[in-house]
Amino acid sequence: MRPFLLIALLLFTLVPFVSSQPATSDVQLRGRVFDQNRAVVTGASVLVSNLAAKPQATTSSDSNGEFSISLPAGDYVLEIKAEGFNSTSRKLHVSPNERTEIEVSLEIASATATVTVSAGSEFQTGIVFSATKTPTAVRDLPQTISIVGKQQIAEQSFTSISDVVRYQAGVTSHQGENNRDQLIIRGQNSSADFFLNGVRDGVQYYRDLYNLESVEILRGPNALVFGRGGGGGVVNRVSKEAVDSPFYEFTAEGG
């Protein structure tokens, strides 16, 4: 009977001692995320894990760059990631007797964009046929030449020769007495230096663009190829080639 009394007395003595011990509570981990210029970083991902466990707590920084996580006391690894910044990690010890507040500075990530530079453009033409009356590469011409293709004509809504030359250096459109195309090319005023597929088109009228493949503008004297004319240059129109199947196009504008 005495052993049972001894055990009961021992338990009665330990119960107050056990109940008097404080219960283990979580510790509030607080922090702020900055960049290298001390500007707050919002939306940064914060991951906290034990040294030998997967991330057990996650959160993100608010509009003030602040975050807060409730953790039991112990050792952890803190990892912070943000778009456009290099990720960083650090070890920390969380103690119930200490106020845990940290500041984390992120470095801006190096540029990773890739820029590809290629020669040519969808508006450029590599070979000239009618302006020189030979299939000559543009780079081999000893003159200044501009080629305005049908795609550029359509996308920029050119409707006349005046529209085409508006963006060409050294070429200006003259009023032409309101009844013809007339250009000033390198200071030479002329209404006759117009060609169609290499054949002179000196009639005084307004030339349409709907049936053209491209417009070629050569600057400088061209008597060797085009015969007598102004010394400023020539404007040659290249007409569209016929195709074996019919096609239609409709354009409407309003305003």
C-alpha atoms as a PDB file:
ATOM      1  CA  MET A   1       0.000   0.000   0.000  1.00  0.00           C
ATOM      2  CA  ARG A   2       2.894   2.299   0.737  1.00  0.00           C
ATOM      3  CA  PRO A   3       4.262   2.268  -2.896  1.00  0.00           C
ATOM      4  CA  PHE A   4       0.905   3.432  -4.241  1.00  0.00           C
ATOM      5  CA  LEU A   5       0.791   6.257  -1.724  1.00  0.00           C
ATOM      6  CA  LEU A   6       4.294   7.294  -2.690  1.00  0.00           C
ATOM      7  CA  ILE A   7       3.437   7.441  -6.415  1.00  0.00           C
ATOM      8  CA  ALA A   8       0.257   9.427  -5.740  1.00  0.00           C
ATOM      9  CA  LEU A   9       2.163  11.890  -3.581  1.00  0.00           C
ATOM     10  CA  LEU A  10       4.826  12.311  -6.285  1.00  0.00           C
ATOM     11  CA  LEU A  11       2.245  13.006  -9.012  1.00  0.00           C
ATOM     12  CA  PHE A  12       0.422  15.463  -6.767  1.00  0.00           C
ATOM     13  CA  THR A  13       3.716  17.306  -6.264  1.00  0.00           C
ATOM     14  CA  LEU A  14       4.655  17.447 -10.022  1.00  0.00           C
ATOM     15  CA  VAL A  15       1.294  18.607 -11.388  1.00  0.00           C
ATOM     16  CA  PRO A  16       1.602  22.199 -10.104  1.00  0.00           C
ATOM     17  CA  PHE A  17       5.163  22.344 -11.441  1.00  0.00           C
ATOM     18  CA  VAL A  18       4.176  21.180 -14.934  1.00  0.00           C
ATOM     19  CA  SER A  19       1.168  23.468 -15.107  1.00  0.00           C
ATOM     20  CA  SER A  20       3.256  26.436 -14.083  1.00  0.00           C
ATOM     21  CA  GLN A  21       5.554  26.125 -17.142  1.00  0.00           C
ATOM     22  CA  PRO A  22       4.616  28.624 -19.911  1.00  0.00           C
ATOM     23  CA  ALA A  23       3.233  27.090 -23.108  1.00  0.00           C
ATOM     24  CA  THR A  24       5.427  27.370 -26.186  1.00  0.00           C
ATOM     25  CA  SER A  25       4.073  30.171 -28.447  1.00  0.00           C
ATOM     26  CA  ASP A  26       4.955  31.277 -31.975  1.00  0.00           C
ATOM     27  CA  VAL A  27       7.232  34.238 -32.611  1.00  0.00           C
ATOM     28  CA  GLN A  28       6.230  36.989 -35.030  1.00  0.00           C
ATOM     29  CA  LEU A  29       8.959  37.504 -37.632  1.00  0.00           C
ATOM     30  CA  ARG A  30       8.767  40.935 -39.241  1.00  0.00           C
ATOM     31  CA  GLY A  31      10.838  42.445 -41.987  1.00  0.00           C
ATOM     32  CA  ARG A  32      11.124  44.889 -44.884  1.00  0.00           C
ATOM     33  CA  VAL A  33      12.499  44.407 -48.380  1.00  0.00           C
ATOM     34  CA  PHE A  34      14.490  47.164 -50.097  1.00  0.00           C
ATOM     35  CA  ASP A  35      16.452  47.465 -53.295  1.00  0.00           C
ATOM     36  CA  GLN A  36      20.022  48.705 -53.474  1.00  0.00           C
ATOM     37  CA  ASN A  37      18.743  52.307 -53.609  1.00  0.00           C
ATOM     38  CA  ARG A  38      16.681  51.878 -50.420  1.00  0.00           C
ATOM     39  CA  ALA A  39      13.415  51.869 -52.339  1.00  0.00           C
ATOM     40  CA  VAL A  40      10.816  49.396 -51.083  1.00  0.00           C
ATOM     41  CA  VAL A  41      10.182  46.248 -53.123  1.00  0.00           C
ATOM     42  CA  THR A  42       6.531  45.230 -53.268  1.00  0.00           C
ATOM     43  CA  GLY A  43       5.286  41.747 -54.067  1.00  0.00           C
ATOM     44  CA  ALA A  44       8.551  40.045 -53.105  1.00  0.00           C
ATOM     45  CA  SER A  45       8.098  36.342 -52.338  1.00  0.00           C
ATOM     46  CA  VAL A  46       9.288  35.361 -48.820  1.00  0.00           C
ATOM     47  CA  LEU A  47       9.927  31.644 -48.095  1.00  0.00           C
ATOM     48  CA  VAL A  48      10.914  30.322 -44.666  1.00  0.00           C
ATOM     49  CA  SER A  49      12.085  26.729 -44.102  1.00  0.00           C
ATOM     50  CA  ASN A  50      13.915  24.666 -41.518  1.00  0.00           C
ATOM     51  CA  LEU A  51      17.488  23.745 -42.261  1.00  0.00           C
ATOM     52  CA  ALA A  52      16.405  20.245 -43.333  1.00  0.00           C
ATOM     53  CA  ALA A  53      12.810  20.761 -44.468  1.00  0.00           C
ATOM     54  CA  LYS A  54      10.814  22.141 -47.339  1.00  0.00           C
ATOM     55  CA  PRO A  55       9.435  25.714 -47.159  1.00  0.00           C
ATOM     56  CA  GLN A  56       6.887  25.681 -44.350  1.00  0.00           C
ATOM     57  CA  ALA A  57       5.824  29.330 -44.458  1.00  0.00           C
ATOM     58  CA  THR A  58       5.392  31.731 -47.346  1.00  0.00           C
ATOM     59  CA  THR A  59       4.220  35.306 -47.689  1.00  0.00           C
ATOM     60  CA  SER A  60       4.921  38.410 -49.768  1.00  0.00           C
ATOM     61  CA  SER A  61       5.866  42.012 -49.096  1.00  0.00           C
ATOM     62  CA  ASP A  62       3.093  44.592 -49.093  1.00  0.00           C
ATOM     63  CA  SER A  63       2.995  48.077 -50.625  1.00  0.00           C
ATOM     64  CA  ASN A  64       5.416  49.287 -47.944  1.00  0.00           C
ATOM     65  CA  GLY A  65       7.816  46.430 -48.589  1.00  0.00           C
ATOM     66  CA  GLU A  66       6.918  44.847 -45.228  1.00  0.00           C
ATOM     67  CA  PHE A  67       6.106  41.221 -44.419  1.00  0.00           C
ATOM     68  CA  SER A  68       5.212  39.242 -41.290  1.00  0.00           C
ATOM     69  CA  ILE A  69       5.336  35.489 -40.544  1.00  0.00           C
ATOM     70  CA  SER A  70       4.449  33.607 -37.356  1.00  0.00           C
ATOM     71  CA  LEU A  71       7.025  30.882 -36.561  1.00  0.00           C
ATOM     72  CA  PRO A  72       7.919  28.609 -33.661  1.00  0.00           C
ATOM     73  CA  ALA A  73      11.271  29.267 -32.056  1.00  0.00           C
ATOM     74  CA  GLY A  74      14.166  27.657 -33.882  1.00  0.00           C
ATOM     75  CA  ASP A  75      16.653  27.975 -36.713  1.00  0.00           C
ATOM     76  CA  TYR A  76      15.431  28.778 -40.225  1.00  0.00           C
ATOM     77  CA  VAL A  77      16.537  29.714 -43.717  1.00  0.00           C
ATOM     78  CA  LEU A  78      14.897  32.812 -45.179  1.00  0.00           C
ATOM     79  CA  GLU A  79      14.764  33.151 -48.983  1.00  0.00           C
ATOM     80  CA  ILE A  80      13.407  36.223 -50.763  1.00  0.00           C
ATOM     81  CA  LYS A  81      12.703  36.485 -54.498  1.00  0.00           C
ATOM     82  CA  ALA A  82      11.348  39.339 -56.613  1.00  0.00           C
ATOM     83  CA  GLU A  83      10.974  39.853 -60.330  1.00  0.00           C
ATOM     84  CA  GLY A  84      13.860  41.862 -61.732  1.00  0.00           C
ATOM     85  CA  PHE A  85      16.098  41.213 -58.702  1.00  0.00           C
ATOM     86  CA  ASN A  86      18.632  38.592 -57.722  1.00  0.00           C
ATOM     87  CA  SER A  87      17.234  36.249 -55.070  1.00  0.00           C
ATOM     88  CA  THR A  88      18.885  36.233 -51.650  1.00  0.00           C
ATOM     89  CA  SER A  89      18.847  33.910 -48.637  1.00  0.00           C
ATOM     90  CA  ARG A  90      20.101  34.038 -45.067  1.00  0.00           C
ATOM     91  CA  LYS A  91      20.071  31.941 -41.920  1.00  0.00           C
ATOM     92  CA  LEU A  92      18.288  33.278 -38.867  1.00  0.00           C
ATOM     93  CA  HIS A  93      17.478  32.187 -35.334  1.00  0.00           C
ATOM     94  CA  VAL A  94      14.003  32.828 -33.980  1.00  0.00           C
ATOM     95  CA  SER A  95      13.865  33.155 -30.184  1.00  0.00           C
ATOM     96  CA  PRO A  96      10.780  33.806 -28.053  1.00  0.00           C
ATOM     97  CA  ASN A  97      12.800  36.131 -25.828  1.00  0.00           C
ATOM     98  CA  GLU A  98      13.979  38.400 -28.660  1.00  0.00           C
ATOM     99  CA  ARG A  99      12.120  40.707 -30.995  1.00  0.00           C
ATOM    100  CA  THR A 100      12.849  39.452 -34.509  1.00  0.00           C
ATOM    101  CA  GLU A 101      12.908  42.200 -37.149  1.00  0.00           C
ATOM    102  CA  ILE A 102      15.085  42.102 -40.253  1.00  0.00           C
ATOM    103  CA  GLU A 103      15.794  44.185 -43.335  1.00  0.00           C
ATOM    104  CA  VAL A 104      16.675  42.583 -46.642  1.00  0.00           C
ATOM    105  CA  SER A 105      18.324  44.402 -49.546  1.00  0.00           C
ATOM    106  CA  LEU A 106      17.929  42.965 -53.054  1.00  0.00           C
ATOM    107  CA  GLU A 107      20.275  43.668 -55.924  1.00  0.00           C
ATOM    108  CA  ILE A 108      18.868  44.484 -59.342  1.00  0.00           C
ATOM    109  CA  ALA A 109      19.371  41.565 -61.702  1.00  0.00           C
ATOM    110  CA  SER A 110      21.616  41.987 -64.695  1.00  0.00           C
ATOM    111  CA  ALA A 111      19.941  42.509 -68.076  1.00  0.00           C
ATOM    112  CA  THR A 112      18.999  39.270 -69.804  1.00  0.00           C
ATOM    113  CA  ALA A 113      17.233  40.637 -72.873  1.00  0.00           C
ATOM    114  CA  THR A 114      18.531  39.494 -76.239  1.00  0.00           C
ATOM    115  CA  VAL A 115      18.533  41.960 -79.122  1.00  0.00           C
ATOM    116  CA  THR A 116      18.903  40.540 -82.614  1.00  0.00           C
ATOM    117  CA  VAL A 117      20.006  42.958 -85.318  1.00  0.00           C
ATOM    118  CA  SER A 118      19.510  41.812 -88.864  1.00  0.00           C
ATOM    119  CA  ALA A 119      20.179  43.578 -92.115  1.00  0.00           C
ATOM    120  CA  GLY A 120      17.313  44.661 -94.300  1.00  0.00           C
ATOM    121  CA  SER A 121      13.707  45.576 -93.705  1.00  0.00           C
ATOM    122  CA  GLU A 122      10.321  44.587 -95.017  1.00  0.00           C
ATOM    123  CA  PHE A 123      10.263  47.968 -96.787  1.00  0.00           C
ATOM    124  CA  GLN A 124      13.654  47.516 -98.467  1.00  0.00           C
ATOM    125  CA  THR A 125      14.375  46.046-101.877  1.00  0.00           C
ATOM    126  CA  GLY A 126      17.721  44.485-102.678  1.00  0.00           C
ATOM    127  CA  ILE A 127      17.565  44.328-106.475  1.00  0.00           C
ATOM    128  CA  VAL A 128      16.715  47.110-108.929  1.00  0.00           C
ATOM    129  CA  PHE A 129      15.512  46.210-112.430  1.00  0.00           C
ATOM    130  CA  SER A 130      13.855  49.159-114.104  1.00  0.00           C
ATOM    131  CA  ALA A 131      15.590  52.157-112.538  1.00  0.00           C
ATOM    132  CA  THR A 132      18.913  51.097-114.054  1.00  0.00           C
ATOM    133  CA  LYS A 133      17.338  48.847-116.730  1.00  0.00           C
ATOM    134  CA  THR A 134      19.506  46.017-115.379  1.00  0.00           C
ATOM    135  CA  PRO A 135      19.125  43.621-112.404  1.00  0.00           C
ATOM    136  CA  THR A 136      21.591  45.491-110.228  1.00  0.00           C
ATOM    137  CA  ALA A 137      21.965  45.194-106.462  1.00  0.00           C
ATOM    138  CA  VAL A 138      21.275  48.464-104.652  1.00  0.00           C
ATOM    139  CA  ARG A 139      24.648  48.334-102.895  1.00  0.00           C
ATOM    140  CA  ASP A 140      26.400  48.331-106.289  1.00  0.00           C
ATOM    141  CA  LEU A 141      24.776  51.526-107.569  1.00  0.00           C
ATOM    142  CA  PRO A 142      27.058  54.586-107.644  1.00  0.00           C
ATOM    143  CA  GLN A 143      24.017  56.819-107.125  1.00  0.00           C
ATOM    144  CA  THR A 144      21.593  57.565-104.350  1.00  0.00           C
ATOM    145  CA  ILE A 145      18.385  55.605-104.877  1.00  0.00           C
ATOM    146  CA  SER A 146      15.237  55.167-102.803  1.00  0.00           C
ATOM    147  CA  ILE A 147      12.698  52.421-103.422  1.00  0.00           C
ATOM    148  CA  VAL A 148       9.182  52.710-102.023  1.00  0.00           C
ATOM    149  CA  GLY A 149       7.439  49.323-102.295  1.00  0.00           C
ATOM    150  CA  LYS A 150       3.760  48.501-102.489  1.00  0.00           C
ATOM    151  CA  GLN A 151       3.646  47.429 -98.844  1.00  0.00           C
ATOM    152  CA  GLN A 152       4.935  50.779 -97.666  1.00  0.00           C
ATOM    153  CA  ILE A 153       2.551  52.547-100.040  1.00  0.00           C
ATOM    154  CA  ALA A 154      -0.383  50.614 -98.555  1.00  0.00           C
ATOM    155  CA  GLU A 155       0.631  50.907 -94.900  1.00  0.00           C
ATOM    156  CA  GLN A 156       1.316  54.648 -95.085  1.00  0.00           C
ATOM    157  CA  SER A 157      -1.754  55.284 -97.250  1.00  0.00           C
ATOM    158  CA  PHE A 158       0.112  56.989-100.076  1.00  0.00           C
ATOM    159  CA  THR A 159      -2.246  58.067-102.853  1.00  0.00           C
ATOM    160  CA  SER A 160      -0.015  60.204-105.064  1.00  0.00           C
ATOM    161  CA  ILE A 161       3.573  60.841-106.074  1.00  0.00           C
ATOM    162  CA  SER A 162       3.559  63.851-103.759  1.00  0.00           C
ATOM    163  CA  ASP A 163       2.836  61.539-100.812  1.00  0.00           C
ATOM    164  CA  VAL A 164       5.690  59.231-101.798  1.00  0.00           C
ATOM    165  CA  VAL A 165       8.362  61.939-102.046  1.00  0.00           C
ATOM    166  CA  ARG A 166       7.255  63.683 -98.871  1.00  0.00           C
ATOM    167  CA  TYR A 167       9.565  61.404 -96.862  1.00  0.00           C
ATOM    168  CA  GLN A 168      12.459  61.373 -99.359  1.00  0.00           C
ATOM    169  CA  ALA A 169      15.519  63.512 -98.701  1.00  0.00           C
ATOM    170  CA  GLY A 170      16.414  65.960-101.462  1.00  0.00           C
ATOM    171  CA  VAL A 171      13.026  65.672-103.186  1.00  0.00           C
ATOM    172  CA  THR A 172      10.180  68.170-102.839  1.00  0.00           C
ATOM    173  CA  SER A 173       6.769  68.209-104.433  1.00  0.00           C
ATOM    174  CA  HIS A 174       5.827  71.343-106.385  1.00  0.00           C
ATOM    175  CA  GLN A 175       2.259  72.569-106.729  1.00  0.00           C
ATOM    176  CA  GLY A 176       2.298  71.820-110.449  1.00  0.00           C
ATOM    177  CA  GLU A 177      -0.387  74.420-111.173  1.00  0.00           C
ATOM    178  CA  ASN A 178      -2.929  71.955-109.745  1.00  0.00           C
ATOM    179  CA  ASN A 179      -2.957  69.815-112.860  1.00  0.00           C
ATOM    180  CA  ARG A 180       0.200  67.675-112.891  1.00  0.00           C
ATOM    181  CA  ASP A 181       2.936  66.027-110.883  1.00  0.00           C
ATOM    182  CA  GLN A 182       5.939  68.284-110.586  1.00  0.00           C
ATOM    183  CA  LEU A 183       9.013  67.650-108.437  1.00  0.00           C
ATOM    184  CA  ILE A 184      12.123  69.495-107.384  1.00  0.00           C
ATOM    185  CA  ILE A 185      14.963  66.982-107.150  1.00  0.00           C
ATOM    186  CA  ARG A 186      18.186  68.383-105.738  1.00  0.00           C
ATOM    187  CA  GLY A 187      17.145  71.869-106.768  1.00  0.00           C
ATOM    188  CA  GLN A 188      16.155  70.898-110.328  1.00  0.00           C
ATOM    189  CA  ASN A 189      12.523  71.660-111.112  1.00  0.00           C
ATOM    190  CA  SER A 190      10.960  69.247-113.590  1.00  0.00           C
ATOM    191  CA  SER A 191       7.621  67.814-114.635  1.00  0.00           C
ATOM    192  CA  ALA A 192       9.094  65.526-117.293  1.00  0.00           C
ATOM    193  CA  ASP A 193      11.587  63.291-115.457  1.00  0.00           C
ATOM    194  CA  PHE A 194       8.969  60.583-114.849  1.00  0.00           C
ATOM    195  CA  PHE A 195       9.285  57.041-116.180  1.00  0.00           C
ATOM    196  CA  LEU A 196       7.107  53.960-116.234  1.00  0.00           C
ATOM    197  CA  ASN A 197       9.064  50.668-116.279  1.00  0.00           C
ATOM    198  CA  GLY A 198      12.058  52.577-117.629  1.00  0.00           C
ATOM    199  CA  VAL A 199      10.110  54.269-120.453  1.00  0.00           C
ATOM    200  CA  ARG A 200       9.731  58.037-120.357  1.00  0.00           C
ATOM    201  CA  ASP A 201       6.322  59.244-119.196  1.00  0.00           C
ATOM    202  CA  GLY A 202       6.522  62.986-119.748  1.00  0.00           C
ATOM    203  CA  VAL A 203       2.795  63.711-120.047  1.00  0.00           C
ATOM    204  CA  GLN A 204       1.630  66.299-117.550  1.00  0.00           C
ATOM    205  CA  TYR A 205      -0.988  64.658-115.305  1.00  0.00           C
ATOM    206  CA  TYR A 206      -1.440  63.190-111.825  1.00  0.00           C
ATOM    207  CA  ARG A 207      -0.106  59.624-111.592  1.00  0.00           C
ATOM    208  CA  ASP A 208      -2.009  57.011-109.585  1.00  0.00           C
ATOM    209  CA  LEU A 209      -0.350  54.384-107.390  1.00  0.00           C
ATOM    210  CA  TYR A 210      -2.967  51.620-107.376  1.00  0.00           C
ATOM    211  CA  ASN A 211      -1.266  49.614-110.147  1.00  0.00           C
ATOM    212  CA  LEU A 212       2.334  50.001-108.960  1.00  0.00           C
ATOM    213  CA  GLU A 213       4.743  47.488-107.504  1.00  0.00           C
ATOM    214  CA  SER A 214       7.156  50.197-106.367  1.00  0.00           C
ATOM    215  CA  VAL A 215       8.392  53.727-106.981  1.00  0.00           C
ATOM    216  CA  GLU A 216      12.127  54.215-107.596  1.00  0.00           C
ATOM    217  CA  ILE A 217      13.739  57.609-107.042  1.00  0.00           C
ATOM    218  CA  LEU A 218      17.247  58.126-108.435  1.00  0.00           C
ATOM    219  CA  ARG A 219      19.124  61.263-107.508  1.00  0.00           C
ATOM    220  CA  GLY A 220      21.763  62.779-109.759  1.00  0.00           C
ATOM    221  CA  PRO A 221      22.250  62.975-113.563  1.00  0.00           C
ATOM    222  CA  ASN A 222      21.095  59.885-115.463  1.00  0.00           C
ATOM    223  CA  ALA A 223      21.637  60.710-119.140  1.00  0.00           C
ATOM    224  CA  LEU A 224      23.637  57.531-119.705  1.00  0.00           C
ATOM    225  CA  VAL A 225      20.603  55.348-118.951  1.00  0.00           C
ATOM    226  CA  PHE A 226      17.544  57.544-119.399  1.00  0.00           C
ATOM    227  CA  GLY A 227      18.648  60.027-122.042  1.00  0.00           C
ATOM    228  CA  ARG A 228      18.043  63.726-122.040  1.00  0.00           C
ATOM    229  CA  GLY A 229      16.431  65.129-118.901  1.00  0.00           C
ATOM    230  CA  GLY A 230      16.913  67.205-115.794  1.00  0.00           C
ATOM    231  CA  GLY A 231      20.118  66.914-113.813  1.00  0.00           C
ATOM    232  CA  GLY A 232      18.404  66.415-110.461  1.00  0.00           C
ATOM    233  CA  GLY A 233      17.271  62.857-110.968  1.00  0.00           C
ATOM    234  CA  VAL A 234      14.360  60.717-112.153  1.00  0.00           C
ATOM    235  CA  VAL A 235      11.300  59.009-110.693  1.00  0.00           C
ATOM    236  CA  ASN A 236      10.567  55.601-112.164  1.00  0.00           C
ATOM    237  CA  ARG A 237       7.325  53.714-111.502  1.00  0.00           C
ATOM    238  CA  VAL A 238       7.294  49.912-111.635  1.00  0.00           C
ATOM    239  CA  SER A 239       3.908  48.469-112.522  1.00  0.00           C
ATOM    240  CA  LYS A 240       2.493  45.293-111.022  1.00  0.00           C
ATOM    241  CA  GLU A 241       2.947  42.060-112.916  1.00  0.00           C
ATOM    242  CA  ALA A 242      -0.036  40.045-114.075  1.00  0.00           C
ATOM    243  CA  VAL A 243      -0.958  36.918-112.089  1.00  0.00           C
ATOM    244  CA  ASP A 244      -2.681  33.731-113.221  1.00  0.00           C
ATOM    245  CA  SER A 245      -5.584  34.055-110.771  1.00  0.00           C
ATOM    246  CA  PRO A 246      -7.948  36.963-110.127  1.00  0.00           C
ATOM    247  CA  PHE A 247      -7.789  38.810-106.810  1.00  0.00           C
ATOM    248  CA  TYR A 248      -9.835  41.611-105.315  1.00  0.00           C
ATOM    249  CA  GLU A 249      -9.253  44.284-102.716  1.00  0.00           C
ATOM    250  CA  PHE A 250     -11.664  46.664-101.058  1.00  0.00           C
ATOM    251  CA  THR A 251     -10.771  49.646 -98.878  1.00  0.00           C
ATOM    252  CA  ALA A 252     -13.192  51.936 -97.059  1.00  0.00           C
ATOM    253  CA  GLU A 253     -12.600  55.042 -94.985  1.00  0.00           C
ATOM    254  CA  GLY A 254     -14.907  57.154 -92.907  1.00  0.00           C
ATOM    255  CA  GLY A 255     -14.708  60.241 -90.803  1.00  0.00           C
END
